[in-house]
N, C-alpha and C. Protein backbone atom coordinates (compact mmCIF):
# COMPACT_ATOMS: atom_id res chain seq x y z
N UNK A 1 17.67 -20.95 1.43
CA UNK A 1 17.84 -19.81 0.53
C UNK A 1 16.80 -19.92 -0.58
N UNK A 2 16.32 -18.78 -1.02
CA UNK A 2 15.36 -18.74 -2.11
C UNK A 2 15.98 -19.22 -3.41
N UNK A 3 15.16 -19.78 -4.26
CA UNK A 3 15.64 -20.19 -5.58
C UNK A 3 15.54 -19.02 -6.54
N UNK A 4 16.20 -19.15 -7.68
CA UNK A 4 16.11 -18.11 -8.71
C UNK A 4 14.68 -17.94 -9.18
N UNK A 5 13.96 -19.05 -9.32
CA UNK A 5 12.56 -18.98 -9.75
C UNK A 5 11.69 -18.24 -8.73
N UNK A 6 11.93 -18.47 -7.45
CA UNK A 6 11.16 -17.77 -6.42
C UNK A 6 11.43 -16.27 -6.45
N UNK A 7 12.68 -15.89 -6.62
CA UNK A 7 13.03 -14.47 -6.71
C UNK A 7 12.38 -13.85 -7.93
N UNK A 8 12.43 -14.55 -9.05
CA UNK A 8 11.80 -14.04 -10.28
C UNK A 8 10.30 -13.89 -10.09
N UNK A 9 9.69 -14.85 -9.41
CA UNK A 9 8.25 -14.78 -9.17
C UNK A 9 7.89 -13.60 -8.27
N UNK A 10 8.66 -13.41 -7.21
CA UNK A 10 8.42 -12.28 -6.30
C UNK A 10 8.61 -10.96 -7.04
N UNK A 11 9.64 -10.88 -7.87
CA UNK A 11 9.88 -9.66 -8.65
C UNK A 11 8.72 -9.40 -9.60
N UNK A 12 8.20 -10.45 -10.20
CA UNK A 12 7.07 -10.30 -11.12
C UNK A 12 5.84 -9.80 -10.36
N UNK A 13 5.58 -10.36 -9.18
CA UNK A 13 4.45 -9.92 -8.37
C UNK A 13 4.59 -8.45 -7.97
N UNK A 14 5.83 -8.03 -7.71
CA UNK A 14 6.09 -6.64 -7.32
C UNK A 14 6.27 -5.73 -8.54
N UNK A 15 6.14 -6.32 -9.71
CA UNK A 15 6.30 -5.58 -10.98
C UNK A 15 7.67 -4.91 -11.07
N UNK A 16 8.68 -5.68 -10.71
CA UNK A 16 10.06 -5.22 -10.80
C UNK A 16 10.76 -5.95 -11.93
N UNK A 17 11.51 -5.22 -12.70
CA UNK A 17 12.33 -5.84 -13.73
C UNK A 17 13.76 -5.86 -13.21
N UNK A 18 14.25 -7.05 -12.87
CA UNK A 18 15.57 -7.18 -12.28
C UNK A 18 16.53 -7.83 -13.25
N UNK A 19 17.77 -7.30 -13.29
CA UNK A 19 18.80 -7.97 -14.07
C UNK A 19 19.41 -9.06 -13.18
N UNK A 20 20.33 -9.83 -13.72
CA UNK A 20 20.89 -10.97 -12.97
C UNK A 20 21.61 -10.54 -11.70
N UNK A 21 22.32 -9.42 -11.75
CA UNK A 21 23.03 -8.92 -10.57
C UNK A 21 22.04 -8.56 -9.47
N UNK A 22 20.96 -7.88 -9.86
CA UNK A 22 19.94 -7.49 -8.89
C UNK A 22 19.23 -8.72 -8.32
N UNK A 23 18.99 -9.72 -9.17
CA UNK A 23 18.35 -10.95 -8.69
C UNK A 23 19.20 -11.62 -7.61
N UNK A 24 20.50 -11.68 -7.84
CA UNK A 24 21.40 -12.29 -6.85
C UNK A 24 21.39 -11.49 -5.55
N UNK A 25 21.42 -10.17 -5.68
CA UNK A 25 21.41 -9.31 -4.49
C UNK A 25 20.12 -9.52 -3.70
N UNK A 26 18.97 -9.47 -4.40
CA UNK A 26 17.69 -9.64 -3.72
C UNK A 26 17.53 -11.06 -3.18
N UNK A 27 18.10 -12.02 -3.86
CA UNK A 27 18.04 -13.41 -3.39
C UNK A 27 18.68 -13.51 -2.01
N UNK A 28 19.85 -12.90 -1.85
CA UNK A 28 20.54 -12.93 -0.56
C UNK A 28 19.78 -12.13 0.49
N UNK A 29 19.33 -10.92 0.11
CA UNK A 29 18.65 -10.06 1.07
C UNK A 29 17.31 -10.63 1.51
N UNK A 30 16.52 -11.12 0.56
CA UNK A 30 15.23 -11.70 0.91
C UNK A 30 15.40 -12.97 1.74
N UNK A 31 16.39 -13.76 1.41
CA UNK A 31 16.66 -14.97 2.19
C UNK A 31 17.03 -14.62 3.62
N UNK A 32 17.84 -13.58 3.79
CA UNK A 32 18.23 -13.15 5.14
C UNK A 32 17.01 -12.67 5.92
N UNK A 33 16.13 -11.93 5.26
CA UNK A 33 14.91 -11.45 5.92
C UNK A 33 14.03 -12.63 6.34
N UNK A 34 13.86 -13.59 5.43
CA UNK A 34 13.03 -14.75 5.74
C UNK A 34 13.65 -15.61 6.84
N UNK A 35 14.97 -15.71 6.87
CA UNK A 35 15.65 -16.43 7.95
C UNK A 35 15.39 -15.75 9.29
N UNK A 36 15.42 -14.41 9.29
CA UNK A 36 15.17 -13.66 10.52
C UNK A 36 13.73 -13.87 10.98
N UNK A 37 12.79 -13.84 10.05
CA UNK A 37 11.39 -14.07 10.39
C UNK A 37 11.22 -15.47 10.96
N UNK A 38 11.91 -16.43 10.39
CA UNK A 38 11.85 -17.80 10.91
C UNK A 38 12.38 -17.85 12.35
N UNK A 39 13.44 -17.11 12.63
CA UNK A 39 13.97 -17.03 13.99
C UNK A 39 12.92 -16.45 14.93
N UNK A 40 12.24 -15.39 14.48
CA UNK A 40 11.18 -14.79 15.31
C UNK A 40 10.03 -15.77 15.53
N UNK A 41 9.71 -16.55 14.51
CA UNK A 41 8.62 -17.52 14.63
C UNK A 41 8.93 -18.60 15.65
N UNK A 42 10.21 -18.87 15.88
CA UNK A 42 10.61 -19.91 16.83
C UNK A 42 10.57 -19.42 18.28
N UNK A 43 10.43 -18.11 18.49
CA UNK A 43 10.42 -17.55 19.85
C UNK A 43 9.19 -18.06 20.60
N UNK A 44 9.41 -18.43 21.86
CA UNK A 44 8.31 -18.93 22.69
C UNK A 44 7.49 -17.74 23.20
N UNK A 45 6.28 -17.64 22.73
CA UNK A 45 5.39 -16.55 23.15
C UNK A 45 4.17 -17.09 23.88
N UNK A 46 4.27 -18.32 24.37
CA UNK A 46 3.11 -18.95 25.01
C UNK A 46 2.68 -18.22 26.29
N UNK A 47 3.60 -17.56 26.97
CA UNK A 47 3.26 -16.84 28.21
C UNK A 47 3.16 -15.33 28.00
N UNK A 48 3.03 -14.92 26.77
CA UNK A 48 2.95 -13.49 26.46
C UNK A 48 1.52 -13.15 26.06
N UNK A 49 0.97 -12.14 26.73
CA UNK A 49 -0.40 -11.73 26.43
C UNK A 49 -0.43 -10.99 25.09
N UNK A 50 -1.36 -11.36 24.20
CA UNK A 50 -1.44 -10.68 22.91
C UNK A 50 -1.80 -9.21 23.07
N UNK A 51 -1.23 -8.39 22.22
CA UNK A 51 -1.50 -6.95 22.24
C UNK A 51 -2.16 -6.53 20.94
N UNK A 52 -3.12 -5.64 21.04
CA UNK A 52 -3.70 -5.05 19.84
C UNK A 52 -2.91 -3.80 19.46
N UNK A 53 -2.46 -3.09 20.48
CA UNK A 53 -1.58 -1.94 20.27
C UNK A 53 -0.79 -1.73 21.54
N UNK A 54 0.36 -1.10 21.44
CA UNK A 54 1.26 -1.04 22.58
C UNK A 54 1.27 0.30 23.29
N UNK A 55 0.74 1.35 22.69
CA UNK A 55 0.86 2.68 23.29
C UNK A 55 -0.24 3.02 24.26
N UNK A 56 -1.41 2.38 24.13
CA UNK A 56 -2.53 2.72 24.99
C UNK A 56 -3.27 3.97 24.55
N UNK A 57 -2.82 4.57 23.47
CA UNK A 57 -3.48 5.78 22.97
C UNK A 57 -4.81 5.43 22.33
N UNK A 58 -5.73 6.35 22.42
CA UNK A 58 -7.01 6.18 21.75
C UNK A 58 -7.03 7.07 20.51
N UNK A 59 -8.04 6.90 19.70
CA UNK A 59 -8.16 7.69 18.49
C UNK A 59 -8.12 9.17 18.84
N UNK A 60 -7.17 9.89 18.28
CA UNK A 60 -7.01 11.29 18.66
C UNK A 60 -7.22 12.24 17.48
N UNK A 61 -8.03 11.84 16.51
CA UNK A 61 -8.28 12.73 15.39
C UNK A 61 -9.43 13.67 15.74
N UNK A 62 -9.43 14.80 15.12
CA UNK A 62 -10.47 15.79 15.41
C UNK A 62 -11.78 15.40 14.73
N UNK A 63 -12.85 15.94 15.21
CA UNK A 63 -14.15 15.74 14.59
C UNK A 63 -14.19 16.50 13.27
N UNK A 64 -14.90 15.95 12.30
CA UNK A 64 -15.10 16.67 11.05
C UNK A 64 -15.98 17.87 11.29
N UNK A 65 -15.59 18.98 10.70
CA UNK A 65 -16.38 20.19 10.84
C UNK A 65 -16.60 20.80 9.47
N UNK A 66 -17.80 21.25 9.23
CA UNK A 66 -18.10 21.94 7.99
C UNK A 66 -17.50 23.34 8.08
N UNK A 67 -16.85 23.76 7.03
CA UNK A 67 -16.25 25.08 7.02
C UNK A 67 -17.15 26.11 6.34
N UNK A 68 -18.27 25.66 5.85
CA UNK A 68 -19.20 26.59 5.25
C UNK A 68 -18.75 27.16 3.92
N UNK A 69 -17.82 26.49 3.26
CA UNK A 69 -17.35 26.96 1.96
C UNK A 69 -18.27 26.38 0.90
N UNK A 70 -18.81 27.24 0.10
CA UNK A 70 -19.69 26.78 -0.97
C UNK A 70 -19.15 27.25 -2.31
N UNK A 71 -19.16 26.36 -3.25
CA UNK A 71 -18.76 26.71 -4.61
C UNK A 71 -19.94 26.50 -5.53
N UNK A 72 -20.10 27.39 -6.44
CA UNK A 72 -21.15 27.23 -7.44
C UNK A 72 -20.70 26.18 -8.44
N UNK A 73 -21.63 25.38 -8.95
CA UNK A 73 -21.26 24.34 -9.92
C UNK A 73 -20.47 24.89 -11.10
N UNK A 74 -20.82 26.07 -11.56
CA UNK A 74 -20.11 26.65 -12.71
C UNK A 74 -18.64 26.87 -12.39
N UNK A 75 -18.36 27.25 -11.14
CA UNK A 75 -16.99 27.49 -10.72
C UNK A 75 -16.17 26.19 -10.80
N UNK A 76 -16.74 25.11 -10.27
CA UNK A 76 -16.03 23.83 -10.26
C UNK A 76 -15.93 23.23 -11.65
N UNK A 77 -17.03 23.23 -12.38
CA UNK A 77 -17.04 22.63 -13.72
C UNK A 77 -16.12 23.40 -14.65
N UNK A 78 -16.04 24.70 -14.45
CA UNK A 78 -15.16 25.53 -15.28
C UNK A 78 -13.69 25.20 -15.09
N UNK A 79 -13.33 24.57 -14.00
CA UNK A 79 -11.94 24.23 -13.72
C UNK A 79 -11.62 22.77 -14.04
N UNK A 80 -12.62 22.00 -14.41
CA UNK A 80 -12.40 20.60 -14.78
C UNK A 80 -11.81 20.53 -16.18
N UNK A 81 -10.93 19.54 -16.44
CA UNK A 81 -10.35 19.40 -17.78
C UNK A 81 -11.41 19.20 -18.85
N UNK A 82 -12.46 18.43 -18.53
CA UNK A 82 -13.55 18.20 -19.48
C UNK A 82 -14.87 18.19 -18.73
N UNK A 83 -15.92 18.65 -19.41
CA UNK A 83 -17.26 18.59 -18.82
C UNK A 83 -18.27 18.32 -19.93
N UNK A 84 -19.42 17.82 -19.52
CA UNK A 84 -20.49 17.53 -20.46
C UNK A 84 -21.81 17.62 -19.71
N UNK A 85 -22.77 18.35 -20.26
CA UNK A 85 -24.09 18.53 -19.63
C UNK A 85 -23.98 19.00 -18.18
N UNK A 86 -23.09 19.93 -17.95
CA UNK A 86 -22.90 20.53 -16.62
C UNK A 86 -22.39 19.52 -15.58
N UNK A 87 -21.69 18.47 -16.04
CA UNK A 87 -21.07 17.47 -15.17
C UNK A 87 -19.60 17.35 -15.54
N UNK A 88 -18.78 16.96 -14.57
CA UNK A 88 -17.36 16.73 -14.85
C UNK A 88 -17.23 15.41 -15.59
N UNK A 89 -16.53 15.43 -16.72
CA UNK A 89 -16.35 14.23 -17.52
C UNK A 89 -15.01 13.60 -17.15
N UNK A 90 -15.05 12.30 -16.83
CA UNK A 90 -13.83 11.56 -16.46
C UNK A 90 -13.70 10.34 -17.35
N UNK A 91 -12.51 9.78 -17.37
CA UNK A 91 -12.26 8.58 -18.15
C UNK A 91 -13.06 7.41 -17.58
N UNK A 92 -13.66 6.62 -18.45
CA UNK A 92 -14.45 5.46 -18.01
C UNK A 92 -13.55 4.43 -17.34
N UNK A 93 -14.04 3.85 -16.25
CA UNK A 93 -13.28 2.80 -15.57
C UNK A 93 -14.00 1.47 -15.61
N UNK A 94 -15.26 1.48 -16.01
CA UNK A 94 -16.04 0.25 -16.09
C UNK A 94 -16.35 -0.05 -17.55
N UNK A 95 -16.33 -1.32 -17.89
CA UNK A 95 -16.66 -1.72 -19.25
C UNK A 95 -18.17 -1.88 -19.37
N UNK A 96 -18.67 -1.62 -20.57
CA UNK A 96 -20.11 -1.79 -20.81
C UNK A 96 -20.45 -3.24 -20.99
């Protein structure tokens, strides 16, 4: 069974704030899941051929097609929350 510290660590990694009741519940549930995975790991698969996929289907998405829709820059920039020098202004994500 998982320890309280392990459950707290997993909750922290998942960015979950759990109270004590929830920690106990997840401790039992996660332990049961891990026990089941351990049971699966013990299964003898030495004579089983590995599969990449089981359906045999191939990629069935359509080809990309241009629809010929053109928008003028003024149309798009006019609908942006902010713009500067005829460009869409967005919040910076990189530090200088």
